[in-house]
Amino acid sequence: MKKIKLQELKDSEILEHLEEARKVLRNSRFQYGVARSLENPKIIHNTKKKIAKLLTIQRERQLKANPGEKKSKIFSRIKRKKKNLARISAKVKG
């Protein structure tokens, strides 16, 4: 599979990649925690980095869309989760 340039992805594709990466991370952590056997333990680190990159791109786009919005120092996981759920539910409704 070709390397995907994350900056070129659409917002919906970024959300899909985030969901997929979080599933991979969850499964990898579970496998490592239960059996202490993971083919490549580095996958956890790499997946966390990918999630961080995707969230950074998402935040940059959000700030470009709303130039008057202040950059918040604390952008907690709960706020991100609520915003992502709101976007998903808006897509489903509309």
PDB file of N, CA and C in Angstrom:
ATOM      1  N   MET A   1       0.841  -1.180   0.000  1.00  0.00           N
ATOM      2  CA  MET A   1       0.000   0.000   0.000  1.00  0.00           C
ATOM      3  C   MET A   1       0.881   1.237   0.000  1.00  0.00           C
ATOM      4  N   LYS A   2       0.478   2.208  -0.774  1.00  0.00           N
ATOM      5  CA  LYS A   2       1.242   3.438  -0.869  1.00  0.00           C
ATOM      6  C   LYS A   2       1.114   4.250   0.414  1.00  0.00           C
ATOM      7  N   LYS A   3       2.148   5.032   0.666  1.00  0.00           N
ATOM      8  CA  LYS A   3       2.064   5.915   1.819  1.00  0.00           C
ATOM      9  C   LYS A   3       1.049   7.002   1.521  1.00  0.00           C
ATOM     10  N   ILE A   4       0.226   7.291   2.485  1.00  0.00           N
ATOM     11  CA  ILE A   4      -0.810   8.302   2.324  1.00  0.00           C
ATOM     12  C   ILE A   4      -0.302   9.608   2.914  1.00  0.00           C
ATOM     13  N   LYS A   5      -0.403  10.669   2.140  1.00  0.00           N
ATOM     14  CA  LYS A   5      -0.039  11.967   2.664  1.00  0.00           C
ATOM     15  C   LYS A   5      -1.217  12.479   3.470  1.00  0.00           C
ATOM     16  N   LEU A   6      -1.010  12.627   4.747  1.00  0.00           N
ATOM     17  CA  LEU A   6      -2.097  12.950   5.652  1.00  0.00           C
ATOM     18  C   LEU A   6      -2.680  14.341   5.399  1.00  0.00           C
ATOM     19  N   GLN A   7      -1.853  15.277   4.957  1.00  0.00           N
ATOM     20  CA  GLN A   7      -2.337  16.635   4.703  1.00  0.00           C
ATOM     21  C   GLN A   7      -3.349  16.680   3.567  1.00  0.00           C
ATOM     22  N   GLU A   8      -3.270  15.730   2.653  1.00  0.00           N
ATOM     23  CA  GLU A   8      -4.138  15.739   1.478  1.00  0.00           C
ATOM     24  C   GLU A   8      -5.490  15.065   1.727  1.00  0.00           C
ATOM     25  N   LEU A   9      -5.665  14.467   2.894  1.00  0.00           N
ATOM     26  CA  LEU A   9      -6.912  13.777   3.189  1.00  0.00           C
ATOM     27  C   LEU A   9      -8.046  14.757   3.469  1.00  0.00           C
ATOM     28  N   LYS A  10      -9.253  14.318   3.165  1.00  0.00           N
ATOM     29  CA  LYS A  10     -10.434  15.114   3.490  1.00  0.00           C
ATOM     30  C   LYS A  10     -10.768  14.909   4.958  1.00  0.00           C
ATOM     31  N   ASP A  11     -11.631  15.778   5.479  1.00  0.00           N
ATOM     32  CA  ASP A  11     -11.989  15.685   6.897  1.00  0.00           C
ATOM     33  C   ASP A  11     -12.628  14.343   7.233  1.00  0.00           C
ATOM     34  N   SER A  12     -13.505  13.868   6.371  1.00  0.00           N
ATOM     35  CA  SER A  12     -14.166  12.591   6.637  1.00  0.00           C
ATOM     36  C   SER A  12     -13.161  11.440   6.611  1.00  0.00           C
ATOM     37  N   GLU A  13     -12.182  11.523   5.720  1.00  0.00           N
ATOM     38  CA  GLU A  13     -11.165  10.481   5.648  1.00  0.00           C
ATOM     39  C   GLU A  13     -10.276  10.493   6.894  1.00  0.00           C
ATOM     40  N   ILE A  14     -10.013  11.692   7.404  1.00  0.00           N
ATOM     41  CA  ILE A  14      -9.215  11.799   8.629  1.00  0.00           C
ATOM     42  C   ILE A  14      -9.948  11.123   9.779  1.00  0.00           C
ATOM     43  N   LEU A  15     -11.257  11.348   9.879  1.00  0.00           N
ATOM     44  CA  LEU A  15     -12.040  10.707  10.931  1.00  0.00           C
ATOM     45  C   LEU A  15     -12.011   9.194  10.795  1.00  0.00           C
ATOM     46  N   GLU A  16     -12.100   8.705   9.561  1.00  0.00           N
ATOM     47  CA  GLU A  16     -12.050   7.260   9.335  1.00  0.00           C
ATOM     48  C   GLU A  16     -10.697   6.688   9.756  1.00  0.00           C
ATOM     49  N   HIS A  17      -9.618   7.382   9.389  1.00  0.00           N
ATOM     50  CA  HIS A  17      -8.286   6.930   9.758  1.00  0.00           C
ATOM     51  C   HIS A  17      -8.101   6.962  11.276  1.00  0.00           C
ATOM     52  N   LEU A  18      -8.675   7.981  11.924  1.00  0.00           N
ATOM     53  CA  LEU A  18      -8.591   8.059  13.378  1.00  0.00           C
ATOM     54  C   LEU A  18      -9.289   6.869  14.030  1.00  0.00           C
ATOM     55  N   GLU A  19     -10.491   6.572  13.564  1.00  0.00           N
ATOM     56  CA  GLU A  19     -11.236   5.434  14.117  1.00  0.00           C
ATOM     57  C   GLU A  19     -10.462   4.133  13.931  1.00  0.00           C
ATOM     58  N   GLU A  20      -9.924   3.966  12.734  1.00  0.00           N
ATOM     59  CA  GLU A  20      -9.170   2.745  12.438  1.00  0.00           C
ATOM     60  C   GLU A  20      -7.919   2.642  13.309  1.00  0.00           C
ATOM     61  N   ALA A  21      -7.199   3.754  13.455  1.00  0.00           N
ATOM     62  CA  ALA A  21      -5.975   3.742  14.261  1.00  0.00           C
ATOM     63  C   ALA A  21      -6.291   3.469  15.727  1.00  0.00           C
ATOM     64  N   ARG A  22      -7.390   4.019  16.213  1.00  0.00           N
ATOM     65  CA  ARG A  22      -7.767   3.774  17.608  1.00  0.00           C
ATOM     66  C   ARG A  22      -8.149   2.317  17.831  1.00  0.00           C
ATOM     67  N   LYS A  23      -8.788   1.700  16.831  1.00  0.00           N
ATOM     68  CA  LYS A  23      -9.118   0.277  16.943  1.00  0.00           C
ATOM     69  C   LYS A  23      -7.847  -0.571  16.982  1.00  0.00           C
ATOM     70  N   VAL A  24      -6.895  -0.241  16.113  1.00  0.00           N
ATOM     71  CA  VAL A  24      -5.629  -0.967  16.071  1.00  0.00           C
ATOM     72  C   VAL A  24      -4.910  -0.823  17.410  1.00  0.00           C
ATOM     73  N   LEU A  25      -4.888   0.384  17.948  1.00  0.00           N
ATOM     74  CA  LEU A  25      -4.226   0.637  19.223  1.00  0.00           C
ATOM     75  C   LEU A  25      -4.894  -0.150  20.346  1.00  0.00           C
ATOM     76  N   ARG A  26      -6.223  -0.120  20.373  1.00  0.00           N
ATOM     77  CA  ARG A  26      -6.961  -0.835  21.403  1.00  0.00           C
ATOM     78  C   ARG A  26      -6.672  -2.340  21.349  1.00  0.00           C
ATOM     79  N   ASN A  27      -6.723  -2.906  20.134  1.00  0.00           N
ATOM     80  CA  ASN A  27      -6.468  -4.337  19.978  1.00  0.00           C
ATOM     81  C   ASN A  27      -5.026  -4.700  20.328  1.00  0.00           C
ATOM     82  N   SER A  28      -4.091  -3.867  19.930  1.00  0.00           N
ATOM     83  CA  SER A  28      -2.678  -4.143  20.219  1.00  0.00           C
ATOM     84  C   SER A  28      -2.415  -4.095  21.718  1.00  0.00           C
ATOM     85  N   ARG A  29      -2.973  -3.086  22.387  1.00  0.00           N
ATOM     86  CA  ARG A  29      -2.796  -2.991  23.830  1.00  0.00           C
ATOM     87  C   ARG A  29      -3.421  -4.195  24.531  1.00  0.00           C
ATOM     88  N   PHE A  30      -4.569  -4.628  24.047  1.00  0.00           N
ATOM     89  CA  PHE A  30      -5.231  -5.784  24.654  1.00  0.00           C
ATOM     90  C   PHE A  30      -4.382  -7.036  24.489  1.00  0.00           C
ATOM     91  N   GLN A  31      -3.890  -7.264  23.276  1.00  0.00           N
ATOM     92  CA  GLN A  31      -3.057  -8.443  23.025  1.00  0.00           C
ATOM     93  C   GLN A  31      -1.799  -8.417  23.884  1.00  0.00           C
ATOM     94  N   TYR A  32      -1.196  -7.256  23.971  1.00  0.00           N
ATOM     95  CA  TYR A  32       0.036  -7.145  24.751  1.00  0.00           C
ATOM     96  C   TYR A  32      -0.244  -7.312  26.241  1.00  0.00           C
ATOM     97  N   GLY A  33      -1.367  -6.783  26.701  1.00  0.00           N
ATOM     98  CA  GLY A  33      -1.696  -6.862  28.112  1.00  0.00           C
ATOM     99  C   GLY A  33      -2.090  -8.255  28.551  1.00  0.00           C
ATOM    100  N   VAL A  34      -2.820  -8.959  27.717  1.00  0.00           N
ATOM    101  CA  VAL A  34      -3.314 -10.282  28.090  1.00  0.00           C
ATOM    102  C   VAL A  34      -2.240 -11.353  27.916  1.00  0.00           C
ATOM    103  N   ALA A  35      -1.690 -11.437  26.741  1.00  0.00           N
ATOM    104  CA  ALA A  35      -0.781 -12.540  26.431  1.00  0.00           C
ATOM    105  C   ALA A  35       0.691 -12.150  26.480  1.00  0.00           C
ATOM    106  N   ARG A  36       0.973 -10.875  26.588  1.00  0.00           N
ATOM    107  CA  ARG A  36       2.352 -10.382  26.528  1.00  0.00           C
ATOM    108  C   ARG A  36       3.051 -10.865  25.264  1.00  0.00           C
ATOM    109  N   SER A  37       2.244 -11.094  24.232  1.00  0.00           N
ATOM    110  CA  SER A  37       2.846 -11.511  22.970  1.00  0.00           C
ATOM    111  C   SER A  37       2.269 -10.650  21.858  1.00  0.00           C
ATOM    112  N   LEU A  38       3.132  -9.924  21.252  1.00  0.00           N
ATOM    113  CA  LEU A  38       2.764  -9.069  20.139  1.00  0.00           C
ATOM    114  C   LEU A  38       3.888  -9.203  19.122  1.00  0.00           C
ATOM    115  N   GLU A  39       3.533  -9.448  17.868  1.00  0.00           N
ATOM    116  CA  GLU A  39       4.572  -9.664  16.859  1.00  0.00           C
ATOM    117  C   GLU A  39       5.527  -8.478  16.798  1.00  0.00           C
ATOM    118  N   ASN A  40       4.946  -7.284  16.808  1.00  0.00           N
ATOM    119  CA  ASN A  40       5.766  -6.085  16.726  1.00  0.00           C
ATOM    120  C   ASN A  40       5.273  -5.081  17.774  1.00  0.00           C
ATOM    121  N   PRO A  41       5.915  -5.022  18.929  1.00  0.00           N
ATOM    122  CA  PRO A  41       5.464  -4.104  19.978  1.00  0.00           C
ATOM    123  C   PRO A  41       5.578  -2.637  19.574  1.00  0.00           C
ATOM    124  N   LYS A  42       6.374  -2.353  18.589  1.00  0.00           N
ATOM    125  CA  LYS A  42       6.558  -0.975  18.114  1.00  0.00           C
ATOM    126  C   LYS A  42       5.277  -0.441  17.476  1.00  0.00           C
ATOM    127  N   ILE A  43       4.358  -1.326  17.130  1.00  0.00           N
ATOM    128  CA  ILE A  43       3.115  -0.913  16.483  1.00  0.00           C
ATOM    129  C   ILE A  43       2.304   0.004  17.397  1.00  0.00           C
ATOM    130  N   ILE A  44       2.402  -0.202  18.700  1.00  0.00           N
ATOM    131  CA  ILE A  44       1.679   0.654  19.646  1.00  0.00           C
ATOM    132  C   ILE A  44       2.219   2.074  19.560  1.00  0.00           C
ATOM    133  N   HIS A  45       3.522   2.208  19.578  1.00  0.00           N
ATOM    134  CA  HIS A  45       4.155   3.531  19.491  1.00  0.00           C
ATOM    135  C   HIS A  45       3.827   4.215  18.169  1.00  0.00           C
ATOM    136  N   ASN A  46       3.934   3.483  17.075  1.00  0.00           N
ATOM    137  CA  ASN A  46       3.675   4.056  15.759  1.00  0.00           C
ATOM    138  C   ASN A  46       2.219   4.482  15.603  1.00  0.00           C
ATOM    139  N   THR A  47       1.305   3.708  16.153  1.00  0.00           N
ATOM    140  CA  THR A  47      -0.115   4.034  16.058  1.00  0.00           C
ATOM    141  C   THR A  47      -0.429   5.282  16.859  1.00  0.00           C
ATOM    142  N   LYS A  48       0.184   5.413  18.027  1.00  0.00           N
ATOM    143  CA  LYS A  48      -0.035   6.612  18.837  1.00  0.00           C
ATOM    144  C   LYS A  48       0.474   7.855  18.109  1.00  0.00           C
ATOM    145  N   LYS A  49       1.600   7.715  17.421  1.00  0.00           N
ATOM    146  CA  LYS A  49       2.141   8.835  16.653  1.00  0.00           C
ATOM    147  C   LYS A  49       1.208   9.208  15.500  1.00  0.00           C
ATOM    148  N   LYS A  50       0.634   8.206  14.845  1.00  0.00           N
ATOM    149  CA  LYS A  50      -0.283   8.458  13.737  1.00  0.00           C
ATOM    150  C   LYS A  50      -1.525   9.187  14.231  1.00  0.00           C
ATOM    151  N   ILE A  51      -2.045   8.763  15.373  1.00  0.00           N
ATOM    152  CA  ILE A  51      -3.217   9.425  15.946  1.00  0.00           C
ATOM    153  C   ILE A  51      -2.892  10.882  16.258  1.00  0.00           C
ATOM    154  N   ALA A  52      -1.733  11.132  16.819  1.00  0.00           N
ATOM    155  CA  ALA A  52      -1.328  12.501  17.149  1.00  0.00           C
ATOM    156  C   ALA A  52      -1.221  13.364  15.893  1.00  0.00           C
ATOM    157  N   LYS A  53      -0.664  12.806  14.836  1.00  0.00           N
ATOM    158  CA  LYS A  53      -0.543  13.549  13.580  1.00  0.00           C
ATOM    159  C   LYS A  53      -1.916  13.902  13.018  1.00  0.00           C
ATOM    160  N   LEU A  54      -2.829  12.923  13.048  1.00  0.00           N
ATOM    161  CA  LEU A  54      -4.171  13.158  12.521  1.00  0.00           C
ATOM    162  C   LEU A  54      -4.911  14.210  13.341  1.00  0.00           C
ATOM    163  N   LEU A  55      -4.767  14.155  14.652  1.00  0.00           N
ATOM    164  CA  LEU A  55      -5.430  15.137  15.501  1.00  0.00           C
ATOM    165  C   LEU A  55      -4.841  16.532  15.290  1.00  0.00           C
ATOM    166  N   THR A  56      -3.544  16.602  15.044  1.00  0.00           N
ATOM    167  CA  THR A  56      -2.899  17.884  14.776  1.00  0.00           C
ATOM    168  C   THR A  56      -3.426  18.488  13.485  1.00  0.00           C
ATOM    169  N   ILE A  57      -3.533  17.684  12.456  1.00  0.00           N
ATOM    170  CA  ILE A  57      -4.052  18.164  11.177  1.00  0.00           C
ATOM    171  C   ILE A  57      -5.499  18.627  11.338  1.00  0.00           C
ATOM    172  N   GLN A  58      -6.269  17.862  12.071  1.00  0.00           N
ATOM    173  CA  GLN A  58      -7.667  18.209  12.310  1.00  0.00           C
ATOM    174  C   GLN A  58      -7.771  19.552  13.044  1.00  0.00           C
ATOM    175  N   ARG A  59      -6.934  19.750  14.046  1.00  0.00           N
ATOM    176  CA  ARG A  59      -6.953  20.998  14.820  1.00  0.00           C
ATOM    177  C   ARG A  59      -6.493  22.177  13.970  1.00  0.00           C
ATOM    178  N   GLU A  60      -5.478  21.988  13.138  1.00  0.00           N
ATOM    179  CA  GLU A  60      -5.007  23.066  12.264  1.00  0.00           C
ATOM    180  C   GLU A  60      -6.112  23.516  11.319  1.00  0.00           C
ATOM    181  N   ARG A  61      -6.829  22.567  10.766  1.00  0.00           N
ATOM    182  CA  ARG A  61      -7.925  22.907   9.855  1.00  0.00           C
ATOM    183  C   ARG A  61      -9.040  23.632  10.593  1.00  0.00           C
ATOM    184  N   GLN A  62      -9.290  23.226  11.808  1.00  0.00           N
ATOM    185  CA  GLN A  62     -10.324  23.878  12.602  1.00  0.00           C
ATOM    186  C   GLN A  62      -9.943  25.334  12.877  1.00  0.00           C
ATOM    187  N   LEU A  63      -8.679  25.574  13.181  1.00  0.00           N
ATOM    188  CA  LEU A  63      -8.232  26.939  13.448  1.00  0.00           C
ATOM    189  C   LEU A  63      -8.227  27.789  12.180  1.00  0.00           C
ATOM    190  N   LYS A  64      -7.938  27.177  11.031  1.00  0.00           N
ATOM    191  CA  LYS A  64      -7.991  27.922   9.766  1.00  0.00           C
ATOM    192  C   LYS A  64      -9.422  28.294   9.416  1.00  0.00           C
ATOM    193  N   ALA A  65     -10.363  27.417   9.729  1.00  0.00           N
ATOM    194  CA  ALA A  65     -11.765  27.671   9.416  1.00  0.00           C
ATOM    195  C   ALA A  65     -12.337  28.779  10.301  1.00  0.00           C
ATOM    196  N   ASN A  66     -11.875  28.865  11.537  1.00  0.00           N
ATOM    197  CA  ASN A  66     -12.348  29.882  12.477  1.00  0.00           C
ATOM    198  C   ASN A  66     -11.164  30.719  12.947  1.00  0.00           C
ATOM    199  N   PRO A  67     -10.760  31.726  12.162  1.00  0.00           N
ATOM    200  CA  PRO A  67      -9.550  32.475  12.508  1.00  0.00           C
ATOM    201  C   PRO A  67      -9.663  33.266  13.809  1.00  0.00           C
ATOM    202  N   GLY A  68     -10.873  33.623  14.233  1.00  0.00           N
ATOM    203  CA  GLY A  68     -11.035  34.377  15.464  1.00  0.00           C
ATOM    204  C   GLY A  68     -10.964  33.523  16.709  1.00  0.00           C
ATOM    205  N   GLU A  69     -11.011  32.223  16.529  1.00  0.00           N
ATOM    206  CA  GLU A  69     -11.008  31.307  17.675  1.00  0.00           C
ATOM    207  C   GLU A  69      -9.631  31.275  18.319  1.00  0.00           C
ATOM    208  N   LYS A  70      -9.625  31.300  19.626  1.00  0.00           N
ATOM    209  CA  LYS A  70      -8.355  31.242  20.348  1.00  0.00           C
ATOM    210  C   LYS A  70      -7.841  29.814  20.369  1.00  0.00           C
ATOM    211  N   LYS A  71      -6.541  29.706  20.414  1.00  0.00           N
ATOM    212  CA  LYS A  71      -5.943  28.389  20.578  1.00  0.00           C
ATOM    213  C   LYS A  71      -6.040  28.040  22.049  1.00  0.00           C
ATOM    214  N   SER A  72      -6.693  26.961  22.333  1.00  0.00           N
ATOM    215  CA  SER A  72      -6.806  26.553  23.734  1.00  0.00           C
ATOM    216  C   SER A  72      -5.587  25.726  24.104  1.00  0.00           C
ATOM    217  N   LYS A  73      -5.082  25.977  25.287  1.00  0.00           N
ATOM    218  CA  LYS A  73      -3.922  25.228  25.733  1.00  0.00           C
ATOM    219  C   LYS A  73      -4.304  23.798  26.077  1.00  0.00           C
ATOM    220  N   ILE A  74      -5.500  23.635  26.594  1.00  0.00           N
ATOM    221  CA  ILE A  74      -5.961  22.307  26.960  1.00  0.00           C
ATOM    222  C   ILE A  74      -7.057  21.904  25.990  1.00  0.00           C
ATOM    223  N   PHE A  75      -6.773  20.901  25.205  1.00  0.00           N
ATOM    224  CA  PHE A  75      -7.766  20.373  24.265  1.00  0.00           C
ATOM    225  C   PHE A  75      -7.937  18.920  24.652  1.00  0.00           C
ATOM    226  N   SER A  76      -8.767  18.708  25.642  1.00  0.00           N
ATOM    227  CA  SER A  76      -8.857  17.395  26.271  1.00  0.00           C
ATOM    228  C   SER A  76      -9.492  16.349  25.363  1.00  0.00           C
ATOM    229  N   ARG A  77      -9.281  15.115  25.738  1.00  0.00           N
ATOM    230  CA  ARG A  77      -9.822  13.990  24.993  1.00  0.00           C
ATOM    231  C   ARG A  77     -11.348  14.023  25.012  1.00  0.00           C
ATOM    232  N   ILE A  78     -11.920  14.450  26.114  1.00  0.00           N
ATOM    233  CA  ILE A  78     -13.380  14.492  26.231  1.00  0.00           C
ATOM    234  C   ILE A  78     -13.964  15.486  25.235  1.00  0.00           C
ATOM    235  N   LYS A  79     -13.340  16.671  25.112  1.00  0.00           N
ATOM    236  CA  LYS A  79     -13.822  17.666  24.159  1.00  0.00           C
ATOM    237  C   LYS A  79     -13.712  17.145  22.729  1.00  0.00           C
ATOM    238  N   ARG A  80     -12.581  16.497  22.404  1.00  0.00           N
ATOM    239  CA  ARG A  80     -12.408  15.941  21.059  1.00  0.00           C
ATOM    240  C   ARG A  80     -13.461  14.888  20.778  1.00  0.00           C
ATOM    241  N   LYS A  81     -13.708  14.051  21.766  1.00  0.00           N
ATOM    242  CA  LYS A  81     -14.667  12.972  21.587  1.00  0.00           C
ATOM    243  C   LYS A  81     -16.067  13.533  21.348  1.00  0.00           C
ATOM    244  N   LYS A  82     -16.441  14.557  22.123  1.00  0.00           N
ATOM    245  CA  LYS A  82     -17.759  15.177  21.951  1.00  0.00           C
ATOM    246  C   LYS A  82     -17.887  15.812  20.566  1.00  0.00           C
ATOM    247  N   LYS A  83     -16.838  16.507  20.126  1.00  0.00           N
ATOM    248  CA  LYS A  83     -16.883  17.152  18.813  1.00  0.00           C
ATOM    249  C   LYS A  83     -16.962  16.119  17.699  1.00  0.00           C
ATOM    250  N   ASN A  84     -16.194  15.045  17.817  1.00  0.00           N
ATOM    251  CA  ASN A  84     -16.230  14.002  16.796  1.00  0.00           C
ATOM    252  C   ASN A  84     -17.589  13.327  16.750  1.00  0.00           C
ATOM    253  N   LEU A  85     -18.169  13.079  17.919  1.00  0.00           N
ATOM    254  CA  LEU A  85     -19.506  12.470  17.956  1.00  0.00           C
ATOM    255  C   LEU A  85     -20.539  13.409  17.359  1.00  0.00           C
ATOM    256  N   ALA A  86     -20.402  14.712  17.601  1.00  0.00           N
ATOM    257  CA  ALA A  86     -21.323  15.683  17.037  1.00  0.00           C
ATOM    258  C   ALA A  86     -21.208  15.708  15.522  1.00  0.00           C
ATOM    259  N   ARG A  87     -19.993  15.648  15.004  1.00  0.00           N
ATOM    260  CA  ARG A  87     -19.799  15.630  13.546  1.00  0.00           C
ATOM    261  C   ARG A  87     -20.387  14.383  12.930  1.00  0.00           C
ATOM    262  N   ILE A  88     -20.153  13.255  13.566  1.00  0.00           N
ATOM    263  CA  ILE A  88     -20.675  11.992  13.035  1.00  0.00           C
ATOM    264  C   ILE A  88     -22.184  11.990  13.045  1.00  0.00           C
ATOM    265  N   SER A  89     -22.776  12.459  14.138  1.00  0.00           N
ATOM    266  CA  SER A  89     -24.239  12.475  14.213  1.00  0.00           C
ATOM    267  C   SER A  89     -24.837  13.468  13.220  1.00  0.00           C
ATOM    268  N   ALA A  90     -24.112  14.573  12.946  1.00  0.00           N
ATOM    269  CA  ALA A  90     -24.587  15.544  11.956  1.00  0.00           C
ATOM    270  C   ALA A  90     -24.554  14.939  10.562  1.00  0.00           C
ATOM    271  N   LYS A  91     -23.547  14.114  10.281  1.00  0.00           N
ATOM    272  CA  LYS A  91     -23.462  13.460   8.982  1.00  0.00           C
ATOM    273  C   LYS A  91     -24.603  12.452   8.806  1.00  0.00           C
ATOM    274  N   VAL A  92     -24.899  11.746   9.883  1.00  0.00           N
ATOM    275  CA  VAL A  92     -25.949  10.744   9.830  1.00  0.00           C
ATOM    276  C   VAL A  92     -27.301  11.406   9.617  1.00  0.00           C
ATOM    277  N   LYS A  93     -27.553  12.509  10.309  1.00  0.00           N
ATOM    278  CA  LYS A  93     -28.827  13.213  10.193  1.00  0.00           C
ATOM    279  C   LYS A  93     -28.960  13.923   8.846  1.00  0.00           C
ATOM    280  N   GLY A  94     -27.874  14.507   8.389  1.00  0.00           N
ATOM    281  CA  GLY A  94     -27.933  15.334   7.176  1.00  0.00           C
ATOM    282  C   GLY A  94     -27.371  14.679   6.030  1.00  0.00           C
TER     283      GLY A  94
END
